[in-house]
Amino acid sequence: MVRRNEQRRAALVDAAIEVLAREGARGLTFRAVDTEAAVPVGTASNYFASRDDLLTQAGARVYERLQPDEATIARQRAAGRDREAYAALMRELVGRVAAFRTGYLALLELRLEATRRPELRKVLTERVRADVDANVAYHEASGLPGDATAVKLLMLTLNWLIVEQLTLPDVFTEAERDHLVTAAVERIVTAE
């Protein structure tokens, strides 16, 4: 049995994310991942049972890397509980997600690939549903204004703003993006 190094596995999955973002799902091969990770040819195939396994793990890793760190969570918990604080939280979220450009682009590639791969679609559906549920639960526990529908509408709205920012970055300036995030919160989240 081959002893697998978890740091190398993570590096290979991170390399897969970079390949997905740059080359698309069709360009994601074990050889491309080996090259991106600067490891000997054949390494990725020793760590992943199949290309589907690699695609699935890349999707999970993107979500893992998008999670806020403990300091961010603590700062958010200490913030106010009004729409202004909510808007600040959403601006930080959009900035954090947009900063991981390759990860988000890889997720878009995975979503497109999921339309052709039922197993990947199943995994991504479960992951995205869990993410929606976690965001709603966090929101409800936070005491911020708005309900579950507002959380879901903001997720949908801000996800497309992030897509716009990452694929056509000159459409909106950073100031316009921040203004749009604030306006989305003000229009979607009802005052209490």
Protein backbone atom coordinates (compact mmCIF):
# COMPACT_ATOMS: atom_id res chain seq x y z
CA MET A 1 0.00 0.00 0.00
CA VAL A 2 1.33 3.40 -0.98
CA ARG A 3 1.68 5.80 1.94
CA ARG A 4 0.16 9.07 0.87
CA ASN A 5 1.42 12.40 2.09
CA GLU A 6 -1.55 14.68 2.89
CA GLN A 7 0.46 17.85 2.18
CA ARG A 8 1.27 16.53 -1.29
CA ARG A 9 -2.39 15.60 -1.81
CA ALA A 10 -3.42 19.16 -0.89
CA ALA A 11 -0.76 20.57 -3.24
CA LEU A 12 -2.06 18.37 -6.04
CA VAL A 13 -5.65 19.47 -5.44
CA ASP A 14 -4.53 23.11 -5.34
CA ALA A 15 -2.70 22.51 -8.64
CA ALA A 16 -5.91 21.02 -10.06
CA ILE A 17 -7.75 24.22 -9.09
CA GLU A 18 -5.17 26.29 -10.97
CA VAL A 19 -5.43 24.04 -14.05
CA LEU A 20 -9.24 24.20 -13.97
CA ALA A 21 -9.19 27.99 -13.77
CA ARG A 22 -6.65 28.35 -16.56
CA GLU A 23 -7.48 25.46 -18.93
CA GLY A 24 -11.05 24.51 -18.07
CA ALA A 25 -12.37 21.09 -17.20
CA ARG A 26 -11.23 19.63 -20.52
CA GLY A 27 -7.65 20.62 -19.72
CA LEU A 28 -7.67 18.92 -16.34
CA THR A 29 -5.51 15.84 -16.76
CA PHE A 30 -3.27 14.02 -14.32
CA ARG A 31 -0.26 15.10 -16.38
CA ALA A 32 -1.37 18.77 -16.28
CA VAL A 33 -1.78 18.56 -12.50
CA ASP A 34 1.65 16.91 -12.13
CA THR A 35 3.19 19.71 -14.21
CA GLU A 36 1.40 22.47 -12.26
CA ALA A 37 2.41 20.93 -8.92
CA ALA A 38 6.00 20.40 -10.15
CA VAL A 39 5.97 16.72 -9.18
CA PRO A 40 7.07 13.66 -11.16
CA VAL A 41 4.74 12.45 -13.90
CA GLY A 42 2.35 9.87 -12.49
CA THR A 43 2.13 11.39 -9.02
CA ALA A 44 -1.47 12.62 -9.31
CA SER A 45 -2.65 9.25 -10.58
CA ASN A 46 -1.22 7.70 -7.40
CA TYR A 47 -3.33 10.01 -5.23
CA PHE A 48 -6.65 10.05 -7.07
CA ALA A 49 -8.65 7.04 -8.22
CA SER A 50 -9.98 8.82 -11.30
CA ARG A 51 -10.39 12.18 -12.97
CA ASP A 52 -13.85 12.38 -11.39
CA ASP A 53 -12.24 11.91 -7.97
CA LEU A 54 -9.85 14.77 -8.73
CA LEU A 55 -12.70 17.01 -9.94
CA THR A 56 -14.73 16.28 -6.82
CA GLN A 57 -11.83 16.92 -4.46
CA ALA A 58 -10.97 20.16 -6.26
CA GLY A 59 -14.52 21.39 -5.67
CA ALA A 60 -14.37 20.50 -1.99
CA ARG A 61 -10.98 22.21 -1.64
CA VAL A 62 -12.25 25.47 -3.14
CA TYR A 63 -14.99 25.64 -0.52
CA GLU A 64 -12.47 24.77 2.19
CA ARG A 65 -10.18 27.61 1.10
CA LEU A 66 -13.06 30.09 0.88
CA GLN A 67 -14.00 29.66 4.54
CA PRO A 68 -13.20 32.74 6.63
CA ASP A 69 -10.50 32.38 9.25
CA GLU A 70 -11.23 32.58 12.98
CA ALA A 71 -10.17 36.23 13.22
CA THR A 72 -12.66 37.18 10.49
CA ILE A 73 -15.45 35.24 12.18
CA ALA A 74 -14.66 36.86 15.54
CA ARG A 75 -14.65 40.34 13.96
CA GLN A 76 -18.00 39.62 12.29
CA ARG A 77 -19.54 38.43 15.54
CA ALA A 78 -18.39 41.59 17.31
CA ALA A 79 -19.84 43.89 14.62
CA GLY A 80 -23.20 45.62 14.83
CA ARG A 81 -26.50 43.97 14.00
CA ASP A 82 -27.99 46.42 11.54
CA ARG A 83 -28.10 46.65 7.75
CA GLU A 84 -24.94 48.76 7.69
CA ALA A 85 -23.02 46.02 9.50
CA TYR A 86 -24.64 43.45 7.22
CA ALA A 87 -23.50 45.39 4.15
CA ALA A 88 -19.94 45.57 5.54
CA LEU A 89 -20.01 41.81 6.09
CA MET A 90 -21.19 41.23 2.52
CA ARG A 91 -18.55 43.59 1.07
CA GLU A 92 -15.88 41.65 2.98
CA LEU A 93 -17.31 38.37 1.72
CA VAL A 94 -17.36 39.49 -1.92
CA GLY A 95 -13.81 40.81 -1.59
CA ARG A 96 -12.57 37.56 -0.02
CA VAL A 97 -14.20 35.37 -2.65
CA ALA A 98 -13.06 37.60 -5.52
CA ALA A 99 -9.51 37.52 -4.13
CA PHE A 100 -9.43 33.75 -4.69
CA ARG A 101 -9.93 34.25 -8.42
CA THR A 102 -8.67 30.87 -9.57
CA GLY A 103 -10.77 29.07 -6.99
CA TYR A 104 -13.98 30.72 -8.04
CA LEU A 105 -13.22 30.25 -11.74
CA ALA A 106 -12.49 26.58 -11.02
CA LEU A 107 -15.88 26.33 -9.30
CA LEU A 108 -17.55 27.75 -12.39
CA GLU A 109 -15.78 25.15 -14.50
CA LEU A 110 -16.87 22.43 -12.08
CA ARG A 111 -20.48 23.60 -12.25
CA LEU A 112 -20.40 23.44 -16.03
CA GLU A 113 -18.79 20.00 -15.91
CA ALA A 114 -21.46 18.89 -13.43
CA THR A 115 -24.08 19.32 -16.16
CA ARG A 116 -22.37 16.39 -17.93
CA ARG A 117 -21.33 14.30 -14.91
CA PRO A 118 -24.15 13.13 -12.65
CA GLU A 119 -21.83 12.09 -9.80
CA LEU A 120 -20.11 15.48 -9.78
CA ARG A 121 -23.52 17.18 -9.96
CA LYS A 122 -24.63 15.18 -6.93
CA VAL A 123 -21.54 16.12 -4.92
CA LEU A 124 -21.73 19.81 -5.87
CA THR A 125 -25.47 19.94 -5.20
CA GLU A 126 -24.93 18.53 -1.72
CA ARG A 127 -22.02 20.93 -1.09
CA VAL A 128 -23.86 24.02 -2.32
CA ARG A 129 -27.03 23.04 -0.41
CA ALA A 130 -24.94 22.60 2.75
CA ASP A 131 -23.37 26.00 2.11
CA VAL A 132 -26.81 27.63 1.73
CA ASP A 133 -28.02 25.95 4.92
CA ALA A 134 -24.86 26.97 6.82
CA ASN A 135 -25.23 30.58 5.66
CA VAL A 136 -28.87 30.68 6.71
CA ALA A 137 -28.06 29.12 10.11
CA TYR A 138 -25.15 31.55 10.65
CA HIS A 139 -27.40 34.45 9.73
CA GLU A 140 -30.20 33.33 12.05
CA ALA A 141 -27.74 32.90 14.95
CA SER A 142 -26.06 36.26 14.24
CA GLY A 143 -29.04 38.47 14.98
CA LEU A 144 -28.60 40.36 11.72
CA PRO A 145 -31.77 41.72 10.10
CA GLY A 146 -33.56 39.80 7.37
CA ASP A 147 -34.76 36.25 6.94
CA ALA A 148 -33.67 33.07 5.15
CA THR A 149 -35.08 34.32 1.85
CA ALA A 150 -32.98 37.50 2.10
CA VAL A 151 -29.86 35.38 2.70
CA LYS A 152 -30.59 33.26 -0.37
CA LEU A 153 -31.36 36.29 -2.54
CA LEU A 154 -28.11 37.94 -1.45
CA MET A 155 -26.17 34.77 -2.23
CA LEU A 156 -27.62 34.64 -5.73
CA THR A 157 -27.11 38.34 -6.35
CA LEU A 158 -23.58 38.53 -5.00
CA ASN A 159 -22.48 35.34 -6.76
CA TRP A 160 -23.26 36.92 -10.11
CA LEU A 161 -21.49 40.13 -9.11
CA ILE A 162 -18.43 38.00 -8.28
CA VAL A 163 -18.66 36.25 -11.66
CA GLU A 164 -18.78 39.66 -13.34
CA GLN A 165 -15.79 40.87 -11.32
CA LEU A 166 -13.69 37.80 -12.13
CA THR A 167 -14.57 37.34 -15.79
CA LEU A 168 -14.98 40.96 -16.90
CA PRO A 169 -13.17 42.96 -14.21
CA ASP A 170 -13.43 46.29 -16.02
CA VAL A 171 -17.24 46.37 -16.06
CA PHE A 172 -17.43 47.72 -12.50
CA THR A 173 -14.80 49.51 -10.46
CA GLU A 174 -14.13 48.36 -6.92
CA ALA A 175 -16.07 51.38 -5.64
CA GLU A 176 -19.04 50.47 -7.84
CA ARG A 177 -18.86 46.87 -6.63
CA ASP A 178 -18.93 48.01 -3.00
CA HIS A 179 -21.85 50.35 -3.76
CA LEU A 180 -23.76 47.52 -5.47
CA VAL A 181 -23.21 45.19 -2.52
CA THR A 182 -24.48 47.85 -0.12
CA ALA A 183 -27.47 48.59 -2.37
CA ALA A 184 -28.30 44.86 -2.60
CA VAL A 185 -28.36 44.57 1.19
CA GLU A 186 -30.44 47.75 1.55
CA ARG A 187 -33.00 46.58 -1.03
CA ILE A 188 -33.19 42.89 -0.13
CA VAL A 189 -32.89 42.97 3.66
CA THR A 190 -35.94 44.59 5.18
CA ALA A 191 -35.42 46.97 8.08
CA GLU A 192 -36.72 45.71 11.37
